[in-house]
């Protein structure tokens, strides 16, 4: 809690705080309330329904302070466990108060595990880790990614055409701060090989299955940026992955991501962004992470398949970058990589139920 309120948000005595929370994150809202009160800040609490809540804007407006009366910042925490919702009302709060006077902290996967595992590294430490990797990968055309579990992928990068995204927990005035943090990602110009996801999966579909894959790894064959076959011993995992892959563009690789948060010491059972931020590579199938005019499709599903650790070989260098053990450098974070300041869904167009629609 100290890390969240001191390192990530730097709460001051003149700041005004609002906590908007869904029913599944009441406990997290209570913990943050206690932490704020210990600092002399009494937050306003706003309950919200996940996904659809037509009255949310009105309830927010009822507790928001007059912008002219603010002597510090307005810090708005949004807490959801299984969803990420209501971009319009929160974007409007940013617009009304201005980027310098308003910080919107969007906590996904709000849970006890979020406080126990996801905040062990500071934004400065995550920024240094992301900057080190980006400095090494920007301008590179070919990499190979391998893991102890059997992943072996050859990937073509095009940093001139496709943006890199850096999630590092650093407040950028005017954008959302997305937590948990610790990731860099882009769109691979080409990807081929075998992915053995032996960490976990994370999907923008509400599911109660155990998403960990350590005991039943998921093997996916990828050719020219598409999944062409997969296998897994776990029936629940096979059903979910098969359903995702049967969406119109569900088999397309839309993201190459590297988890950088070495403070996360284990995968958790929940369908959670905490797993995606843990050290490893994740391949996102379905919706991509680029501007819509760059990629010629849109897909409502986004399925991340995550390895337990990974090594990156740059241009077939003999010495790989081990994501678990590399030493961060002092290079500045490159401006060419945009911070994750999502004002839309970070993983497709929303959370919900999927139906069999048929792949392209």
Protein backbone atom coordinates (compact mmCIF):
# COMPACT_ATOMS: atom_id res chain seq x y z
CA UNK A 1 0.00 0.00 0.00
CA UNK A 2 2.85 2.36 0.79
CA UNK A 3 4.29 1.69 -2.67
CA UNK A 4 0.98 2.52 -4.36
CA UNK A 5 0.37 5.74 -2.45
CA UNK A 6 3.96 6.96 -2.24
CA UNK A 7 5.88 5.67 -5.26
CA UNK A 8 3.13 5.27 -7.85
CA UNK A 9 0.80 8.16 -7.00
CA UNK A 10 2.82 10.36 -4.61
CA UNK A 11 -0.28 11.35 -2.65
CA UNK A 12 0.05 14.70 -0.89
CA UNK A 13 -2.00 16.23 1.89
CA UNK A 14 -3.63 18.72 -0.50
CA UNK A 15 -4.72 16.06 -2.99
CA UNK A 16 -8.38 15.07 -3.26
CA UNK A 17 -9.01 11.38 -3.88
CA UNK A 18 -11.95 9.48 -5.33
CA UNK A 19 -12.18 5.67 -5.45
CA UNK A 20 -14.55 4.13 -8.01
CA UNK A 21 -14.89 0.38 -7.54
CA UNK A 22 -16.87 -2.60 -8.77
CA UNK A 23 -18.41 -5.11 -6.33
CA UNK A 24 -15.60 -7.61 -6.89
CA UNK A 25 -13.00 -5.07 -5.72
CA UNK A 26 -14.59 -3.85 -2.46
CA UNK A 27 -11.70 -5.25 -0.44
CA UNK A 28 -9.16 -3.36 -2.52
CA UNK A 29 -11.19 -0.15 -2.15
CA UNK A 30 -11.24 -0.64 1.63
CA UNK A 31 -7.46 -1.17 1.77
CA UNK A 32 -6.76 2.00 -0.22
CA UNK A 33 -9.24 3.94 1.92
CA UNK A 34 -7.39 2.92 5.09
CA UNK A 35 -4.04 3.82 3.54
CA UNK A 36 -5.29 7.26 2.49
CA UNK A 37 -6.85 7.98 5.87
CA UNK A 38 -3.52 7.19 7.53
CA UNK A 39 -2.08 9.97 5.37
CA UNK A 40 -4.79 12.41 6.35
CA UNK A 41 -6.73 12.11 3.10
CA UNK A 42 -10.40 11.08 3.25
CA UNK A 43 -11.47 9.69 -0.15
CA UNK A 44 -14.90 9.82 -1.70
CA UNK A 45 -16.20 6.36 -2.64
CA UNK A 46 -18.24 5.64 -5.76
CA UNK A 47 -19.68 2.20 -6.42
CA UNK A 48 -19.93 1.20 -10.07
CA UNK A 49 -21.26 -1.71 -12.06
CA UNK A 50 -18.86 -3.44 -14.41
CA UNK A 51 -19.22 -3.03 -18.18
CA UNK A 52 -22.55 -1.15 -18.24
CA UNK A 53 -23.49 1.56 -15.73
CA UNK A 54 -25.52 4.41 -17.18
CA UNK A 55 -25.70 6.28 -13.86
CA UNK A 56 -21.95 6.25 -13.15
CA UNK A 57 -21.29 9.73 -14.57
CA UNK A 58 -23.96 11.18 -12.30
CA UNK A 59 -22.57 9.49 -9.19
CA UNK A 60 -19.07 10.69 -10.07
CA UNK A 61 -20.22 14.25 -10.58
CA UNK A 62 -21.90 14.22 -7.17
CA UNK A 63 -18.58 13.72 -5.34
CA UNK A 64 -16.06 15.48 -7.58
CA UNK A 65 -14.69 18.75 -6.16
CA UNK A 66 -15.01 22.10 -7.86
CA UNK A 67 -11.89 22.43 -10.08
CA UNK A 68 -11.44 25.99 -8.82
CA UNK A 69 -11.20 24.80 -5.22
CA UNK A 70 -8.40 22.29 -5.82
CA UNK A 71 -5.14 23.24 -4.13
CA UNK A 72 -3.52 19.92 -5.06
CA UNK A 73 -4.45 17.25 -7.57
CA UNK A 74 -7.54 15.14 -8.09
CA UNK A 75 -6.44 11.49 -7.93
CA UNK A 76 -9.09 9.10 -9.20
CA UNK A 77 -8.59 5.39 -8.53
CA UNK A 78 -10.68 2.95 -10.57
CA UNK A 79 -10.68 -0.61 -9.26
CA UNK A 80 -11.92 -3.67 -11.16
CA UNK A 81 -11.00 -7.31 -10.76
CA UNK A 82 -12.33 -9.02 -13.88
CA UNK A 83 -13.10 -6.14 -16.23
CA UNK A 84 -11.97 -2.74 -17.51
CA UNK A 85 -14.93 -0.45 -18.10
CA UNK A 86 -16.34 3.06 -18.47
CA UNK A 87 -13.67 4.82 -20.49
CA UNK A 88 -15.98 7.69 -21.43
CA UNK A 89 -16.76 8.98 -17.90
CA UNK A 90 -13.14 8.73 -16.74
CA UNK A 91 -11.80 10.41 -19.87
CA UNK A 92 -14.29 13.23 -19.28
CA UNK A 93 -12.91 13.71 -15.75
CA UNK A 94 -9.41 14.06 -17.22
CA UNK A 95 -10.66 16.59 -19.73
CA UNK A 96 -12.53 18.64 -17.14
CA UNK A 97 -9.68 18.97 -14.65
CA UNK A 98 -6.75 18.97 -17.08
CA UNK A 99 -3.84 16.58 -17.30
CA UNK A 100 -1.64 18.44 -14.82
CA UNK A 101 -4.33 18.55 -12.10
CA UNK A 102 -5.85 15.10 -12.49
CA UNK A 103 -4.35 11.62 -12.22
CA UNK A 104 -6.49 8.63 -13.20
CA UNK A 105 -5.10 5.34 -11.88
CA UNK A 106 -6.77 2.34 -13.50
CA UNK A 107 -6.16 -0.80 -11.45
CA UNK A 108 -6.94 -3.98 -13.35
CA UNK A 109 -6.93 -7.30 -11.47
CA UNK A 110 -7.67 -5.52 -8.16
CA UNK A 111 -7.16 -8.24 -5.56
CA UNK A 112 -4.95 -9.16 -2.60
CA UNK A 113 -2.42 -10.51 -5.12
CA UNK A 114 -2.19 -7.07 -6.71
CA UNK A 115 -0.88 -5.58 -3.45
CA UNK A 116 1.25 -8.62 -2.59
CA UNK A 117 3.00 -9.12 -5.95
CA UNK A 118 2.52 -6.30 -8.46
CA UNK A 119 3.96 -3.33 -6.57
CA UNK A 120 7.31 -4.73 -5.42
CA UNK A 121 9.24 -2.68 -8.03
CA UNK A 122 8.89 1.10 -8.22
CA UNK A 123 7.93 2.98 -11.40
CA UNK A 124 11.56 4.14 -11.64
CA UNK A 125 12.82 0.54 -11.53
CA UNK A 126 10.27 -0.62 -14.11
CA UNK A 127 11.09 2.35 -16.32
CA UNK A 128 14.80 1.45 -16.22
CA UNK A 129 14.07 -2.17 -17.13
CA UNK A 130 11.80 -1.16 -20.01
CA UNK A 131 14.25 1.45 -21.26
CA UNK A 132 17.11 -1.06 -21.29
CA UNK A 133 15.17 -3.55 -23.41
CA UNK A 134 13.80 -0.91 -25.74
CA UNK A 135 17.26 0.55 -26.26
CA UNK A 136 18.43 -2.88 -27.36
CA UNK A 137 15.45 -3.74 -29.58
CA UNK A 138 14.62 -0.47 -31.34
CA UNK A 139 16.16 -0.56 -34.80
CA UNK A 140 16.65 -4.33 -34.73
CA UNK A 141 15.03 -6.30 -37.55
CA UNK A 142 15.32 -9.94 -36.50
CA UNK A 143 15.14 -11.59 -33.10
CA UNK A 144 14.77 -15.13 -31.84
CA UNK A 145 12.88 -15.85 -28.62
CA UNK A 146 13.46 -19.09 -26.75
CA UNK A 147 12.44 -20.43 -23.35
CA UNK A 148 13.24 -23.37 -21.12
CA UNK A 149 9.78 -24.75 -21.78
CA UNK A 150 10.40 -25.18 -25.50
CA UNK A 151 9.38 -21.87 -27.09
CA UNK A 152 11.36 -21.14 -30.25
CA UNK A 153 10.14 -18.17 -32.28
CA UNK A 154 11.75 -16.23 -35.11
CA UNK A 155 10.36 -12.71 -35.26
CA UNK A 156 10.75 -9.82 -37.68
CA UNK A 157 10.44 -6.36 -36.07
CA UNK A 158 9.60 -3.09 -37.83
CA UNK A 159 9.89 -0.25 -35.34
CA UNK A 160 9.47 2.34 -38.09
CA UNK A 161 6.02 1.03 -38.95
CA UNK A 162 4.70 -0.34 -35.65
CA UNK A 163 4.68 1.42 -32.29
CA UNK A 164 6.28 0.06 -29.18
CA UNK A 165 4.17 0.44 -26.04
CA UNK A 166 5.76 0.73 -22.61
CA UNK A 167 3.78 0.09 -19.45
CA UNK A 168 5.95 1.19 -16.52
CA UNK A 169 3.63 2.78 -13.95
CA UNK A 170 4.93 6.29 -14.61
CA UNK A 171 2.32 9.05 -14.56
CA UNK A 172 2.04 10.83 -17.85
CA UNK A 173 -0.17 13.92 -17.42
CA UNK A 174 -3.20 13.62 -19.65
CA UNK A 175 -3.25 9.83 -19.82
CA UNK A 176 -4.38 6.97 -17.65
CA UNK A 177 -1.87 5.19 -15.42
CA UNK A 178 -2.51 1.47 -15.95
CA UNK A 179 -1.65 -0.91 -13.09
CA UNK A 180 -0.27 -3.53 -12.67
CA UNK A 181 2.74 -2.30 -14.63
CA UNK A 182 5.76 -3.89 -16.25
CA UNK A 183 5.67 -4.62 -19.99
CA UNK A 184 6.89 -3.58 -23.40
CA UNK A 185 5.02 -4.66 -26.51
CA UNK A 186 4.71 -4.14 -30.25
CA UNK A 187 3.16 -5.71 -33.33
CA UNK A 188 5.46 -8.27 -35.00
CA UNK A 189 5.92 -7.74 -38.73
CA UNK A 190 6.29 -11.52 -39.00
CA UNK A 191 6.43 -14.37 -36.52
CA UNK A 192 7.00 -18.09 -37.05
CA UNK A 193 7.80 -21.05 -34.87
CA UNK A 194 6.56 -22.76 -31.73
CA UNK A 195 5.17 -21.09 -28.63
CA UNK A 196 5.06 -23.19 -25.48
CA UNK A 197 3.03 -21.19 -22.96
CA UNK A 198 4.00 -22.71 -19.62
CA UNK A 199 3.19 -19.70 -17.48
CA UNK A 200 -0.45 -18.67 -17.78
CA UNK A 201 -2.99 -17.13 -20.10
CA UNK A 202 -4.78 -13.80 -19.85
CA UNK A 203 -7.86 -13.08 -21.91
CA UNK A 204 -10.52 -10.38 -22.13
CA UNK A 205 -13.17 -13.02 -21.57
CA UNK A 206 -14.66 -13.45 -18.12
CA UNK A 207 -13.71 -16.94 -16.97
CA UNK A 208 -13.29 -18.72 -13.63
CA UNK A 209 -10.90 -21.44 -14.78
CA UNK A 210 -7.38 -21.73 -13.34
CA UNK A 211 -5.32 -19.98 -16.02
CA UNK A 212 -1.92 -21.29 -14.91
CA UNK A 213 -0.19 -23.54 -17.44
CA UNK A 214 2.81 -24.88 -15.52
CA UNK A 215 1.40 -28.38 -15.14
CA UNK A 216 -0.27 -28.46 -18.56
CA UNK A 217 1.68 -26.31 -21.03
CA UNK A 218 -0.08 -25.06 -24.14
CA UNK A 219 1.83 -25.60 -27.40
CA UNK A 220 0.94 -23.41 -30.38
CA UNK A 221 2.42 -23.64 -33.86
CA UNK A 222 2.65 -20.24 -35.58
CA UNK A 223 3.20 -19.67 -39.28
CA UNK A 224 3.34 -16.24 -40.91
CA UNK A 225 1.66 -14.56 -37.95
CA UNK A 226 -1.18 -17.06 -37.50
CA UNK A 227 -1.81 -19.98 -35.18
CA UNK A 228 -2.02 -23.12 -37.31
CA UNK A 229 -2.40 -25.67 -34.53
CA UNK A 230 -2.41 -26.06 -30.77
CA UNK A 231 -2.49 -28.73 -28.10
CA UNK A 232 -2.91 -28.86 -24.33
CA UNK A 233 -3.79 -31.62 -21.87
CA UNK A 234 -6.16 -29.41 -19.87
CA UNK A 235 -9.71 -29.63 -21.24
CA UNK A 236 -10.83 -26.25 -19.85
CA UNK A 237 -7.83 -24.50 -21.41
CA UNK A 238 -8.42 -26.24 -24.75
CA UNK A 239 -12.04 -25.15 -24.76
CA UNK A 240 -11.26 -21.50 -24.01
CA UNK A 241 -8.36 -21.25 -26.48
CA UNK A 242 -10.36 -23.04 -29.17
CA UNK A 243 -13.25 -20.62 -28.70
CA UNK A 244 -10.90 -17.63 -28.97
CA UNK A 245 -9.20 -19.02 -32.07
CA UNK A 246 -12.60 -19.57 -33.73
CA UNK A 247 -13.35 -15.83 -33.66
CA UNK A 248 -13.03 -14.10 -37.05
CA UNK A 249 -9.44 -12.94 -36.48
CA UNK A 250 -8.74 -14.93 -33.33
CA UNK A 251 -5.78 -16.87 -34.76
CA UNK A 252 -3.87 -13.79 -35.84
CA UNK A 253 -0.92 -12.64 -33.75
CA UNK A 254 -1.69 -9.06 -32.74
CA UNK A 255 0.95 -8.51 -30.08
CA UNK A 256 4.49 -9.43 -29.13
CA UNK A 257 4.94 -8.57 -25.47
CA UNK A 258 7.68 -8.94 -22.88
CA UNK A 259 6.81 -8.92 -19.18
CA UNK A 260 9.38 -6.94 -17.21
CA UNK A 261 8.08 -6.93 -13.63
CA UNK A 262 10.57 -9.19 -11.87
CA UNK A 263 8.91 -8.33 -8.56
CA UNK A 264 6.07 -10.72 -9.42
CA UNK A 265 7.35 -14.00 -8.03
CA UNK A 266 4.66 -16.44 -9.18
CA UNK A 267 1.74 -16.85 -11.55
CA UNK A 268 -1.71 -16.67 -9.97
CA UNK A 269 -4.81 -18.77 -10.78
CA UNK A 270 -6.99 -15.84 -11.84
CA UNK A 271 -7.40 -14.54 -15.38
CA UNK A 272 -5.17 -11.59 -14.59
CA UNK A 273 -2.86 -8.91 -15.96
CA UNK A 274 -0.56 -9.75 -13.06
CA UNK A 275 0.46 -12.88 -14.98
CA UNK A 276 1.04 -10.88 -18.18
CA UNK A 277 3.44 -8.51 -16.41
CA UNK A 278 5.53 -11.32 -14.92
CA UNK A 279 8.89 -11.91 -16.59
CA UNK A 280 8.44 -13.82 -19.84
CA UNK A 281 7.21 -13.41 -23.38
CA UNK A 282 3.52 -13.27 -24.21
CA UNK A 283 2.01 -13.62 -27.64
CA UNK A 284 -1.35 -11.90 -28.00
CA UNK A 285 -3.80 -13.46 -30.45
CA UNK A 286 -6.78 -11.57 -31.85
CA UNK A 287 -6.97 -7.82 -31.35
CA UNK A 288 -3.74 -5.93 -31.99
CA UNK A 289 -2.19 -3.06 -30.02
CA UNK A 290 -1.72 -0.56 -32.87
CA UNK A 291 -3.73 2.35 -34.21
CA UNK A 292 -6.65 1.02 -36.21
CA UNK A 293 -5.40 2.56 -39.48
CA UNK A 294 -2.17 0.52 -39.35
CA UNK A 295 -3.66 -2.97 -39.09
CA UNK A 296 -6.46 -4.02 -41.41
CA UNK A 297 -8.72 -5.77 -38.95
CA UNK A 298 -10.43 -5.36 -35.58
CA UNK A 299 -11.22 -8.25 -33.26
CA UNK A 300 -13.14 -8.29 -29.99
CA UNK A 301 -11.05 -11.05 -28.43
CA UNK A 302 -7.48 -10.69 -27.16
CA UNK A 303 -5.79 -13.81 -25.78
CA UNK A 304 -2.31 -13.56 -24.26
CA UNK A 305 -0.36 -16.80 -23.92
CA UNK A 306 2.52 -16.37 -21.49
CA UNK A 307 5.80 -18.22 -21.00
CA UNK A 308 7.62 -18.76 -17.74
CA UNK A 309 10.72 -16.69 -18.53
CA UNK A 310 12.37 -16.20 -21.92
CA UNK A 311 15.60 -15.29 -23.67
CA UNK A 312 15.92 -12.88 -26.59
CA UNK A 313 18.61 -13.46 -29.21
CA UNK A 314 19.19 -10.24 -31.19
CA UNK A 315 20.31 -10.80 -34.80
CA UNK A 316 21.41 -14.30 -33.74
CA UNK A 317 23.83 -13.02 -31.10
CA UNK A 318 25.33 -15.89 -29.17
CA UNK A 319 24.68 -14.17 -25.84
CA UNK A 320 20.95 -13.75 -25.24
CA UNK A 321 19.09 -11.22 -23.13
CA UNK A 322 17.64 -13.19 -20.23
CA UNK A 323 14.47 -11.36 -19.20
CA UNK A 324 14.82 -12.62 -15.62
CA UNK A 325 18.42 -11.65 -14.98
CA UNK A 326 19.48 -8.78 -17.25
CA UNK A 327 20.97 -5.73 -15.54
CA UNK A 328 19.08 -2.47 -16.15
CA UNK A 329 21.19 0.33 -17.57
CA UNK A 330 20.96 4.08 -17.11
CA UNK A 331 19.80 4.83 -20.65
CA UNK A 332 16.84 7.23 -20.78
CA UNK A 333 13.46 5.86 -21.70
CA UNK A 334 13.09 6.40 -25.47
CA UNK A 335 10.43 8.86 -26.56
CA UNK A 336 9.68 6.74 -29.62
CA UNK A 337 7.98 4.21 -27.34
CA UNK A 338 4.64 5.52 -26.16
CA UNK A 339 3.52 5.02 -22.60
CA UNK A 340 0.43 2.92 -22.20
CA UNK A 341 -2.15 5.66 -21.71
CA UNK A 342 -5.20 3.71 -22.73
CA UNK A 343 -8.44 5.60 -23.12
CA UNK A 344 -9.99 2.51 -24.68
CA UNK A 345 -9.77 -1.13 -23.71
CA UNK A 346 -6.19 -2.34 -23.43
CA UNK A 347 -7.15 -5.80 -24.70
CA UNK A 348 -9.66 -5.58 -27.50
CA UNK A 349 -13.04 -3.93 -27.23
CA UNK A 350 -14.34 -5.21 -23.92
CA UNK A 351 -14.91 -8.12 -21.62
CA UNK A 352 -17.76 -10.53 -21.98
CA UNK A 353 -18.92 -13.83 -23.36
CA UNK A 354 -17.76 -15.27 -26.68
CA UNK A 355 -19.74 -17.27 -29.20
CA UNK A 356 -18.57 -19.40 -32.10
CA UNK A 357 -18.38 -16.98 -35.01
CA UNK A 358 -15.98 -18.81 -37.28
CA UNK A 359 -12.43 -17.78 -38.14
CA UNK A 360 -11.46 -15.91 -41.29
